[in-house]
Amino acid sequence: MASFDLAFWYQKVAPTSDEAAQIYDRLTDGVTGIVEESSAAEDFCAGRLGVGHA
């Protein structure tokens, strides 16, 4: 069985591949405050994955 980490975030300007990799690593390490909070990512997850607003 395979497992993986998945992270969604929103930025007004798309990060470079290297920047995105650094953000992803920090997010999956549990670091907070790296990216701005946005309901857009949560709304996407709710619509696509059936999860979201608690």
Protein backbone atom coordinates (compact mmCIF):
# COMPACT_ATOMS: atom_id res chain seq x y z
CA MET A 1 0.00 0.00 0.00
CA ALA A 2 1.33 3.42 -0.94
CA SER A 3 0.92 6.61 1.04
CA PHE A 4 1.67 10.24 0.28
CA ASP A 5 1.39 13.76 1.64
CA LEU A 6 -0.81 16.26 -0.15
CA ALA A 7 -0.85 20.02 0.40
CA PHE A 8 -2.96 22.76 -1.14
CA TRP A 9 -2.21 26.45 -0.87
CA TYR A 10 -3.05 29.62 -2.74
CA GLN A 11 -0.65 32.35 -3.83
CA LYS A 12 -1.40 35.40 -5.93
CA VAL A 13 1.85 34.88 -7.87
CA ALA A 14 2.80 31.33 -8.82
CA PRO A 15 6.01 30.19 -7.12
CA THR A 16 8.93 28.72 -9.04
CA SER A 17 9.37 24.96 -8.82
CA ASP A 18 12.12 25.40 -6.22
CA GLU A 19 10.00 27.80 -4.15
CA ALA A 20 7.01 25.44 -4.31
CA ALA A 21 9.18 22.51 -3.17
CA GLN A 22 10.43 24.53 -0.18
CA ILE A 23 6.90 25.62 0.76
CA TYR A 24 5.62 22.05 0.42
CA ASP A 25 8.43 20.68 2.60
CA ARG A 26 7.72 23.23 5.33
CA LEU A 27 3.95 22.67 5.18
CA THR A 28 4.30 18.89 5.45
CA ASP A 29 6.66 19.44 8.40
CA GLY A 30 3.80 21.24 10.16
CA VAL A 31 5.22 24.75 9.93
CA THR A 32 2.45 27.37 9.92
CA GLY A 33 2.37 30.95 8.67
CA ILE A 34 4.31 30.15 5.50
CA VAL A 35 1.53 31.09 3.10
CA GLU A 36 -1.42 33.41 3.43
CA GLU A 37 -4.66 31.80 4.58
CA SER A 38 -7.30 31.70 1.87
CA SER A 39 -10.72 30.11 1.65
CA ALA A 40 -9.99 29.37 -2.03
CA ALA A 41 -7.86 26.31 -1.20
CA GLU A 42 -10.38 25.07 1.34
CA ASP A 43 -13.26 25.60 -1.10
CA PHE A 44 -11.36 23.63 -3.75
CA CYS A 45 -10.82 20.73 -1.35
CA ALA A 46 -14.47 20.78 -0.32
CA GLY A 47 -15.64 20.71 -3.93
CA ARG A 48 -13.17 18.12 -5.22
CA LEU A 49 -12.43 15.93 -2.23
CA GLY A 50 -15.56 16.28 -0.11
CA VAL A 51 -13.62 17.80 2.80
CA GLY A 52 -13.25 21.33 4.04
CA HIS A 53 -14.91 23.81 6.33
CA ALA A 54 -15.34 22.39 9.81
